[in-house]
Amino acid sequence: MKEKRATENRVKKEGKRESSYYGLYFLGAVIVLYIVLFLLKPESIQIALEASGTVLIQIAPVLILIILFMGILDYLVKPKTVSKYVGKGSGIKGWFLAISTGMLSHGPIYIWYPLLKELRDQGMRSGLIAVFLYNRAIKIPLLPLMVYYFGTVFVVLLLVYMIIASILEGKVIEMIEK
């Protein structure tokens, strides 16, 4: 048993080492592409850098907020707590929590990925991550507008079907993972 754990820990550390270099490889590839672009079309580099800067300025506040939230989450929320609410033994409350937080979440989707990865590393089930991501399509502030255009019956049926589909998707993800 101890040998198995030692082997699993060694494999995890090696996997983390390998995956930590992907970011550096990507950065190197982007720098090389910018150099090639500068050599081929020097005027294009300014446009590309301005566009990149604009995007960075737009997402910087949200990124900082998410990084702070992840730090607080890491400090305050222990893996036992995550396992209790969204881990293997979470049951119905885990599904309900994933559905409701998915509906309540706002902002760009890519901002949520690091937080979900952190929760998954602490024990969150992959099926619940899929349910969370699926239910992000339901935007509560836009529901009155949907009711206005499509009617109450249509919107209620659509929401019910989306929630059911998200649960089925989560179950499929968990079956594939096993």
C-alpha atoms as a PDB file:
ATOM      1  CA  MET A   1       0.000   0.000   0.000  1.00  0.00           C
ATOM      2  CA  LYS A   2       2.807   2.408   0.919  1.00  0.00           C
ATOM      3  CA  GLU A   3       4.653   1.544  -2.281  1.00  0.00           C
ATOM      4  CA  LYS A   4       1.544   2.300  -4.328  1.00  0.00           C
ATOM      5  CA  ARG A   5       1.138   5.721  -2.685  1.00  0.00           C
ATOM      6  CA  ALA A   6       4.823   6.518  -3.182  1.00  0.00           C
ATOM      7  CA  THR A   7       4.546   5.611  -6.865  1.00  0.00           C
ATOM      8  CA  GLU A   8       1.376   7.734  -7.266  1.00  0.00           C
ATOM      9  CA  ASN A   9       3.061  10.715  -5.572  1.00  0.00           C
ATOM     10  CA  ARG A  10       6.148  10.379  -7.797  1.00  0.00           C
ATOM     11  CA  VAL A  11       3.986  10.226 -10.944  1.00  0.00           C
ATOM     12  CA  LYS A  12       2.016  13.312  -9.810  1.00  0.00           C
ATOM     13  CA  LYS A  13       5.221  15.278  -9.187  1.00  0.00           C
ATOM     14  CA  GLU A  14       6.644  14.280 -12.578  1.00  0.00           C
ATOM     15  CA  GLY A  15       3.360  15.226 -14.271  1.00  0.00           C
ATOM     16  CA  LYS A  16       3.381  18.625 -12.550  1.00  0.00           C
ATOM     17  CA  ARG A  17       6.982  19.222 -13.626  1.00  0.00           C
ATOM     18  CA  GLU A  18       6.152  18.411 -17.241  1.00  0.00           C
ATOM     19  CA  SER A  19       2.976  20.487 -17.276  1.00  0.00           C
ATOM     20  CA  SER A  20       4.719  23.477 -15.682  1.00  0.00           C
ATOM     21  CA  TYR A  21       6.895  23.803 -18.790  1.00  0.00           C
ATOM     22  CA  TYR A  22       3.931  24.057 -21.189  1.00  0.00           C
ATOM     23  CA  GLY A  23       3.385  27.671 -20.185  1.00  0.00           C
ATOM     24  CA  LEU A  24       7.019  28.455 -20.940  1.00  0.00           C
ATOM     25  CA  TYR A  25       6.803  26.671 -24.289  1.00  0.00           C
ATOM     26  CA  PHE A  26       3.696  28.664 -25.172  1.00  0.00           C
ATOM     27  CA  LEU A  27       5.355  31.943 -24.146  1.00  0.00           C
ATOM     28  CA  GLY A  28       8.409  31.065 -26.245  1.00  0.00           C
ATOM     29  CA  ALA A  29       6.227  30.231 -29.242  1.00  0.00           C
ATOM     30  CA  VAL A  30       4.377  33.562 -28.940  1.00  0.00           C
ATOM     31  CA  ILE A  31       7.661  35.490 -28.706  1.00  0.00           C
ATOM     32  CA  VAL A  32       9.014  33.673 -31.782  1.00  0.00           C
ATOM     33  CA  LEU A  33       5.810  34.461 -33.685  1.00  0.00           C
ATOM     34  CA  TYR A  34       6.078  38.134 -32.759  1.00  0.00           C
ATOM     35  CA  ILE A  35       9.704  38.208 -33.946  1.00  0.00           C
ATOM     36  CA  VAL A  36       8.754  36.535 -37.248  1.00  0.00           C
ATOM     37  CA  LEU A  37       5.868  38.991 -37.648  1.00  0.00           C
ATOM     38  CA  PHE A  38       8.233  41.898 -36.952  1.00  0.00           C
ATOM     39  CA  LEU A  39      10.650  40.652 -39.612  1.00  0.00           C
ATOM     40  CA  LEU A  40       7.911  40.096 -42.211  1.00  0.00           C
ATOM     41  CA  LYS A  41       5.591  43.037 -41.484  1.00  0.00           C
ATOM     42  CA  PRO A  42       6.960  45.512 -38.921  1.00  0.00           C
ATOM     43  CA  GLU A  43       3.835  47.710 -39.010  1.00  0.00           C
ATOM     44  CA  SER A  44       1.648  44.725 -38.016  1.00  0.00           C
ATOM     45  CA  ILE A  45       3.522  44.180 -34.768  1.00  0.00           C
ATOM     46  CA  GLN A  46       2.272  47.495 -33.380  1.00  0.00           C
ATOM     47  CA  ILE A  47      -1.340  46.595 -34.161  1.00  0.00           C
ATOM     48  CA  ALA A  48      -0.922  43.151 -32.589  1.00  0.00           C
ATOM     49  CA  LEU A  49       0.732  44.558 -29.444  1.00  0.00           C
ATOM     50  CA  GLU A  50      -1.957  47.219 -29.065  1.00  0.00           C
ATOM     51  CA  ALA A  51      -4.695  44.579 -29.373  1.00  0.00           C
ATOM     52  CA  SER A  52      -2.930  42.368 -26.824  1.00  0.00           C
ATOM     53  CA  GLY A  53      -2.521  45.312 -24.459  1.00  0.00           C
ATOM     54  CA  THR A  54      -6.193  46.223 -24.775  1.00  0.00           C
ATOM     55  CA  VAL A  55      -7.260  42.669 -23.919  1.00  0.00           C
ATOM     56  CA  LEU A  56      -4.829  42.565 -20.992  1.00  0.00           C
ATOM     57  CA  ILE A  57      -6.193  45.836 -19.611  1.00  0.00           C
ATOM     58  CA  GLN A  58      -9.757  44.504 -19.924  1.00  0.00           C
ATOM     59  CA  ILE A  59      -9.127  41.206 -18.146  1.00  0.00           C
ATOM     60  CA  ALA A  60      -6.521  42.329 -15.588  1.00  0.00           C
ATOM     61  CA  PRO A  61      -9.029  43.400 -12.901  1.00  0.00           C
ATOM     62  CA  VAL A  62     -10.969  40.145 -13.197  1.00  0.00           C
ATOM     63  CA  LEU A  63      -7.776  38.084 -13.196  1.00  0.00           C
ATOM     64  CA  ILE A  64      -6.562  39.851 -10.059  1.00  0.00           C
ATOM     65  CA  LEU A  65      -9.922  39.273  -8.399  1.00  0.00           C
ATOM     66  CA  ILE A  66      -9.911  35.568  -9.289  1.00  0.00           C
ATOM     67  CA  ILE A  67      -6.315  35.149  -8.087  1.00  0.00           C
ATOM     68  CA  LEU A  68      -7.243  36.783  -4.776  1.00  0.00           C
ATOM     69  CA  PHE A  69     -10.357  34.630  -4.531  1.00  0.00           C
ATOM     70  CA  MET A  70      -8.294  31.496  -5.214  1.00  0.00           C
ATOM     71  CA  GLY A  71      -5.810  32.506  -2.522  1.00  0.00           C
ATOM     72  CA  ILE A  72      -8.573  33.059   0.009  1.00  0.00           C
ATOM     73  CA  LEU A  73     -10.233  29.816  -1.062  1.00  0.00           C
ATOM     74  CA  ASP A  74      -6.958  27.940  -0.702  1.00  0.00           C
ATOM     75  CA  TYR A  75      -6.389  29.430   2.753  1.00  0.00           C
ATOM     76  CA  LEU A  76      -9.915  29.054   4.150  1.00  0.00           C
ATOM     77  CA  VAL A  77     -11.399  26.041   2.362  1.00  0.00           C
ATOM     78  CA  LYS A  78      -9.833  22.721   3.170  1.00  0.00           C
ATOM     79  CA  PRO A  79     -10.051  19.644   0.919  1.00  0.00           C
ATOM     80  CA  LYS A  80     -12.381  17.999   3.479  1.00  0.00           C
ATOM     81  CA  THR A  81     -14.851  20.859   3.046  1.00  0.00           C
ATOM     82  CA  VAL A  82     -14.696  20.616  -0.750  1.00  0.00           C
ATOM     83  CA  SER A  83     -15.203  16.846  -0.544  1.00  0.00           C
ATOM     84  CA  LYS A  84     -18.170  17.340   1.767  1.00  0.00           C
ATOM     85  CA  TYR A  85     -20.029  19.689  -0.578  1.00  0.00           C
ATOM     86  CA  VAL A  86     -18.850  18.739  -4.084  1.00  0.00           C
ATOM     87  CA  GLY A  87     -16.750  15.617  -3.594  1.00  0.00           C
ATOM     88  CA  LYS A  88     -17.517  11.933  -4.074  1.00  0.00           C
ATOM     89  CA  GLY A  89     -19.954  11.719  -1.162  1.00  0.00           C
ATOM     90  CA  SER A  90     -21.745  15.001  -1.811  1.00  0.00           C
ATOM     91  CA  GLY A  91     -24.894  13.442  -3.267  1.00  0.00           C
ATOM     92  CA  ILE A  92     -27.863  15.609  -4.236  1.00  0.00           C
ATOM     93  CA  LYS A  93     -26.517  18.705  -2.491  1.00  0.00           C
ATOM     94  CA  GLY A  94     -23.419  18.629  -4.730  1.00  0.00           C
ATOM     95  CA  TRP A  95     -25.561  18.551  -7.867  1.00  0.00           C
ATOM     96  CA  PHE A  96     -27.799  21.333  -6.531  1.00  0.00           C
ATOM     97  CA  LEU A  97     -24.773  23.437  -5.574  1.00  0.00           C
ATOM     98  CA  ALA A  98     -23.184  22.990  -9.023  1.00  0.00           C
ATOM     99  CA  ILE A  99     -26.433  23.889 -10.798  1.00  0.00           C
ATOM    100  CA  SER A 100     -27.158  26.958  -8.692  1.00  0.00           C
ATOM    101  CA  THR A 101     -23.612  28.348  -8.692  1.00  0.00           C
ATOM    102  CA  GLY A 102     -23.417  27.775 -12.445  1.00  0.00           C
ATOM    103  CA  MET A 103     -26.534  29.871 -12.924  1.00  0.00           C
ATOM    104  CA  LEU A 104     -25.311  32.594 -10.573  1.00  0.00           C
ATOM    105  CA  SER A 105     -21.793  32.829 -12.022  1.00  0.00           C
ATOM    106  CA  HIS A 106     -20.952  35.770 -14.265  1.00  0.00           C
ATOM    107  CA  GLY A 107     -18.020  37.013 -16.283  1.00  0.00           C
ATOM    108  CA  PRO A 108     -15.954  35.364 -18.988  1.00  0.00           C
ATOM    109  CA  ILE A 109     -15.760  31.581 -18.830  1.00  0.00           C
ATOM    110  CA  TYR A 110     -11.972  31.392 -19.053  1.00  0.00           C
ATOM    111  CA  ILE A 111     -11.700  33.224 -15.745  1.00  0.00           C
ATOM    112  CA  TRP A 112     -13.464  30.333 -14.000  1.00  0.00           C
ATOM    113  CA  TYR A 113     -11.113  27.624 -15.290  1.00  0.00           C
ATOM    114  CA  PRO A 114      -8.276  28.158 -12.759  1.00  0.00           C
ATOM    115  CA  LEU A 115     -10.737  28.215  -9.868  1.00  0.00           C
ATOM    116  CA  LEU A 116     -12.457  25.034 -11.057  1.00  0.00           C
ATOM    117  CA  LYS A 117      -9.074  23.346 -11.489  1.00  0.00           C
ATOM    118  CA  GLU A 118      -8.157  24.298  -7.923  1.00  0.00           C
ATOM    119  CA  LEU A 119     -11.454  22.876  -6.650  1.00  0.00           C
ATOM    120  CA  ARG A 120     -10.927  19.716  -8.699  1.00  0.00           C
ATOM    121  CA  ASP A 121      -7.450  19.313  -7.220  1.00  0.00           C
ATOM    122  CA  GLN A 122      -9.065  19.545  -3.780  1.00  0.00           C
ATOM    123  CA  GLY A 123     -11.595  16.829  -4.583  1.00  0.00           C
ATOM    124  CA  MET A 124     -14.450  18.280  -6.656  1.00  0.00           C
ATOM    125  CA  ARG A 125     -16.078  15.725  -8.945  1.00  0.00           C
ATOM    126  CA  SER A 126     -15.592  16.224 -12.683  1.00  0.00           C
ATOM    127  CA  GLY A 127     -19.285  15.662 -13.301  1.00  0.00           C
ATOM    128  CA  LEU A 128     -20.123  18.606 -11.066  1.00  0.00           C
ATOM    129  CA  ILE A 129     -17.645  20.782 -12.951  1.00  0.00           C
ATOM    130  CA  ALA A 130     -19.444  19.850 -16.180  1.00  0.00           C
ATOM    131  CA  VAL A 131     -22.799  20.696 -14.573  1.00  0.00           C
ATOM    132  CA  PHE A 132     -21.449  24.063 -13.383  1.00  0.00           C
ATOM    133  CA  LEU A 133     -20.130  24.927 -16.846  1.00  0.00           C
ATOM    134  CA  TYR A 134     -23.323  23.751 -18.574  1.00  0.00           C
ATOM    135  CA  ASN A 135     -25.551  25.848 -16.306  1.00  0.00           C
ATOM    136  CA  ARG A 136     -23.527  28.983 -16.962  1.00  0.00           C
ATOM    137  CA  ALA A 137     -25.651  29.255 -20.110  1.00  0.00           C
ATOM    138  CA  ILE A 138     -28.619  30.148 -17.895  1.00  0.00           C
ATOM    139  CA  LYS A 139     -28.341  33.858 -17.162  1.00  0.00           C
ATOM    140  CA  ILE A 140     -30.789  34.959 -14.484  1.00  0.00           C
ATOM    141  CA  PRO A 141     -30.669  38.689 -15.431  1.00  0.00           C
ATOM    142  CA  LEU A 142     -31.709  37.778 -18.990  1.00  0.00           C
ATOM    143  CA  LEU A 143     -34.667  35.577 -17.998  1.00  0.00           C
ATOM    144  CA  PRO A 144     -37.231  38.424 -18.042  1.00  0.00           C
ATOM    145  CA  LEU A 145     -36.137  39.305 -21.567  1.00  0.00           C
ATOM    146  CA  MET A 146     -36.501  35.662 -22.631  1.00  0.00           C
ATOM    147  CA  VAL A 147     -39.974  35.526 -21.089  1.00  0.00           C
ATOM    148  CA  TYR A 148     -40.921  38.697 -22.963  1.00  0.00           C
ATOM    149  CA  TYR A 149     -39.808  37.295 -26.336  1.00  0.00           C
ATOM    150  CA  PHE A 150     -40.644  33.593 -25.974  1.00  0.00           C
ATOM    151  CA  GLY A 151     -43.244  33.307 -23.215  1.00  0.00           C
ATOM    152  CA  THR A 152     -43.189  31.834 -19.739  1.00  0.00           C
ATOM    153  CA  VAL A 153     -44.006  28.245 -20.694  1.00  0.00           C
ATOM    154  CA  PHE A 154     -41.182  28.079 -23.238  1.00  0.00           C
ATOM    155  CA  VAL A 155     -38.622  29.569 -20.825  1.00  0.00           C
ATOM    156  CA  VAL A 156     -39.604  27.279 -17.931  1.00  0.00           C
ATOM    157  CA  LEU A 157     -39.473  24.186 -20.167  1.00  0.00           C
ATOM    158  CA  LEU A 158     -36.136  25.279 -21.621  1.00  0.00           C
ATOM    159  CA  LEU A 159     -34.658  25.781 -18.142  1.00  0.00           C
ATOM    160  CA  VAL A 160     -35.917  22.402 -16.947  1.00  0.00           C
ATOM    161  CA  TYR A 161     -34.493  20.682 -20.033  1.00  0.00           C
ATOM    162  CA  MET A 162     -31.168  22.498 -19.638  1.00  0.00           C
ATOM    163  CA  ILE A 163     -30.870  21.456 -16.004  1.00  0.00           C
ATOM    164  CA  ILE A 164     -31.755  17.847 -16.832  1.00  0.00           C
ATOM    165  CA  ALA A 165     -29.298  17.863 -19.748  1.00  0.00           C
ATOM    166  CA  SER A 166     -26.557  19.265 -17.494  1.00  0.00           C
ATOM    167  CA  ILE A 167     -27.088  16.465 -14.977  1.00  0.00           C
ATOM    168  CA  LEU A 168     -26.998  13.850 -17.740  1.00  0.00           C
ATOM    169  CA  GLU A 169     -23.811  15.438 -19.095  1.00  0.00           C
ATOM    170  CA  GLY A 170     -22.262  15.328 -15.626  1.00  0.00           C
ATOM    171  CA  LYS A 171     -23.201  11.660 -15.211  1.00  0.00           C
ATOM    172  CA  VAL A 172     -21.720  10.824 -18.632  1.00  0.00           C
ATOM    173  CA  ILE A 173     -18.474  12.617 -17.707  1.00  0.00           C
ATOM    174  CA  GLU A 174     -18.271  10.627 -14.473  1.00  0.00           C
ATOM    175  CA  MET A 175     -18.963   7.337 -16.298  1.00  0.00           C
ATOM    176  CA  ILE A 176     -16.254   8.074 -18.858  1.00  0.00           C
ATOM    177  CA  GLU A 177     -13.807   9.001 -16.102  1.00  0.00           C
ATOM    178  CA  LYS A 178     -14.325   5.641 -14.364  1.00  0.00           C
END
